[in-house]
């Protein structure tokens, strides 16, 4: 099902129609301070708050294409429409991220 049909899905079923890239972007933004990702280089980057080791840091990068997809679904908003420097989750985006995290927190049998 195309991502544009996400708005037509029942609320409990919305997480089933999020692509893996959209899911990763939502979860990265949800776990970031203030549910917000700054723009660096070619995308919006979620850097870890604290690094235990020296060396190169690894973080989750969200491309502008994925960010625009999420904006069309009204899950994120930009600080500036034409030249965004920050991506922030909307309340609907936070709710969907919590819904996506819920199955991961349930104990397995």
Protein backbone atom coordinates (compact mmCIF):
# COMPACT_ATOMS: atom_id res chain seq x y z
CA UNK A 1 0.00 0.00 0.00
CA UNK A 2 1.48 3.40 -0.89
CA UNK A 3 2.46 5.70 1.97
CA UNK A 4 -0.18 8.22 0.85
CA UNK A 5 -2.87 5.77 1.95
CA UNK A 6 -1.64 5.84 5.55
CA UNK A 7 -4.12 8.59 6.45
CA UNK A 8 -7.00 6.35 5.32
CA UNK A 9 -6.00 3.45 7.59
CA UNK A 10 -7.70 2.81 10.94
CA UNK A 11 -5.69 4.23 13.89
CA UNK A 12 -4.68 0.82 15.24
CA UNK A 13 -3.44 -0.32 11.83
CA UNK A 14 -1.31 2.71 10.87
CA UNK A 15 2.02 1.17 11.89
CA UNK A 16 1.56 -1.72 9.48
CA UNK A 17 1.80 0.60 6.47
CA UNK A 18 4.95 2.50 7.37
CA UNK A 19 7.95 1.61 5.23
CA UNK A 20 11.16 0.49 7.00
CA UNK A 21 12.89 3.79 6.16
CA UNK A 22 9.96 5.81 7.50
CA UNK A 23 9.89 3.64 10.61
CA UNK A 24 13.61 4.21 11.22
CA UNK A 25 13.20 7.95 10.77
CA UNK A 26 10.25 8.13 13.17
CA UNK A 27 12.03 6.11 15.83
CA UNK A 28 15.26 8.10 15.47
CA UNK A 29 13.37 11.38 15.87
CA UNK A 30 11.33 10.00 18.77
CA UNK A 31 14.48 9.01 20.69
CA UNK A 32 16.26 12.32 19.96
CA UNK A 33 16.19 15.16 22.50
CA UNK A 34 13.01 17.19 22.01
CA UNK A 35 11.86 14.70 19.32
CA UNK A 36 13.86 16.83 16.91
CA UNK A 37 16.68 16.18 14.43
CA UNK A 38 19.10 18.88 13.20
CA UNK A 39 20.11 19.03 9.56
CA UNK A 40 23.72 18.18 8.81
CA UNK A 41 25.20 17.59 5.40
CA UNK A 42 22.80 15.63 3.21
CA UNK A 43 20.09 14.89 5.77
CA UNK A 44 18.73 15.12 9.28
CA UNK A 45 20.95 13.30 11.75
CA UNK A 46 20.23 11.67 15.12
CA UNK A 47 23.52 11.57 16.96
CA UNK A 48 23.90 9.63 20.20
CA UNK A 49 23.89 11.86 23.28
CA UNK A 50 26.99 10.27 24.77
CA UNK A 51 29.71 8.17 23.19
CA UNK A 52 31.48 5.50 25.20
CA UNK A 53 34.43 5.28 22.81
CA UNK A 54 36.69 7.63 20.98
CA UNK A 55 36.64 7.68 17.21
CA UNK A 56 33.98 8.26 14.62
CA UNK A 57 30.42 8.60 15.87
CA UNK A 58 27.65 6.74 14.14
CA UNK A 59 24.14 8.08 14.00
CA UNK A 60 20.93 7.54 12.10
CA UNK A 61 20.57 9.74 9.03
CA UNK A 62 17.19 10.70 7.55
CA UNK A 63 17.23 11.87 3.94
CA UNK A 64 15.25 14.88 2.80
CA UNK A 65 13.11 12.58 0.63
CA UNK A 66 11.98 10.50 3.63
CA UNK A 67 11.48 13.68 5.68
CA UNK A 68 9.24 15.13 2.95
CA UNK A 69 7.24 11.89 2.83
CA UNK A 70 6.68 12.09 6.58
CA UNK A 71 5.75 15.77 6.29
CA UNK A 72 3.09 14.94 3.67
CA UNK A 73 1.64 12.43 6.15
CA UNK A 74 1.67 15.20 8.80
CA UNK A 75 4.00 13.19 11.06
CA UNK A 76 6.85 15.75 11.11
CA UNK A 77 7.21 19.48 10.63
CA UNK A 78 10.14 21.63 9.53
CA UNK A 79 11.29 24.82 11.25
CA UNK A 80 11.42 26.56 7.86
CA UNK A 81 9.36 25.45 4.88
CA UNK A 82 11.88 26.41 2.19
CA UNK A 83 15.25 25.85 3.91
CA UNK A 84 14.73 23.55 6.91
CA UNK A 85 17.45 23.19 9.50
CA UNK A 86 15.43 21.06 11.94
CA UNK A 87 12.84 18.29 11.70
CA UNK A 88 10.44 17.84 14.64
CA UNK A 89 7.80 15.19 15.25
CA UNK A 90 4.19 16.32 15.41
CA UNK A 91 1.88 14.86 18.09
CA UNK A 92 0.63 12.38 15.47
CA UNK A 93 4.25 11.40 14.73
CA UNK A 94 4.97 10.87 18.43
CA UNK A 95 1.84 8.75 18.80
CA UNK A 96 2.79 6.58 15.81
CA UNK A 97 6.38 6.18 17.09
CA UNK A 98 5.04 5.06 20.48
CA UNK A 99 2.74 2.63 18.69
CA UNK A 100 5.69 1.25 16.69
CA UNK A 101 7.75 0.83 19.86
CA UNK A 102 4.97 -0.92 21.80
CA UNK A 103 5.34 -4.38 20.15
CA UNK A 104 9.10 -4.27 20.75
CA UNK A 105 8.56 -3.74 24.49
CA UNK A 106 6.13 -6.64 24.93
CA UNK A 107 7.61 -9.87 26.29
CA UNK A 108 7.93 -12.77 23.86
CA UNK A 109 6.48 -16.18 24.61
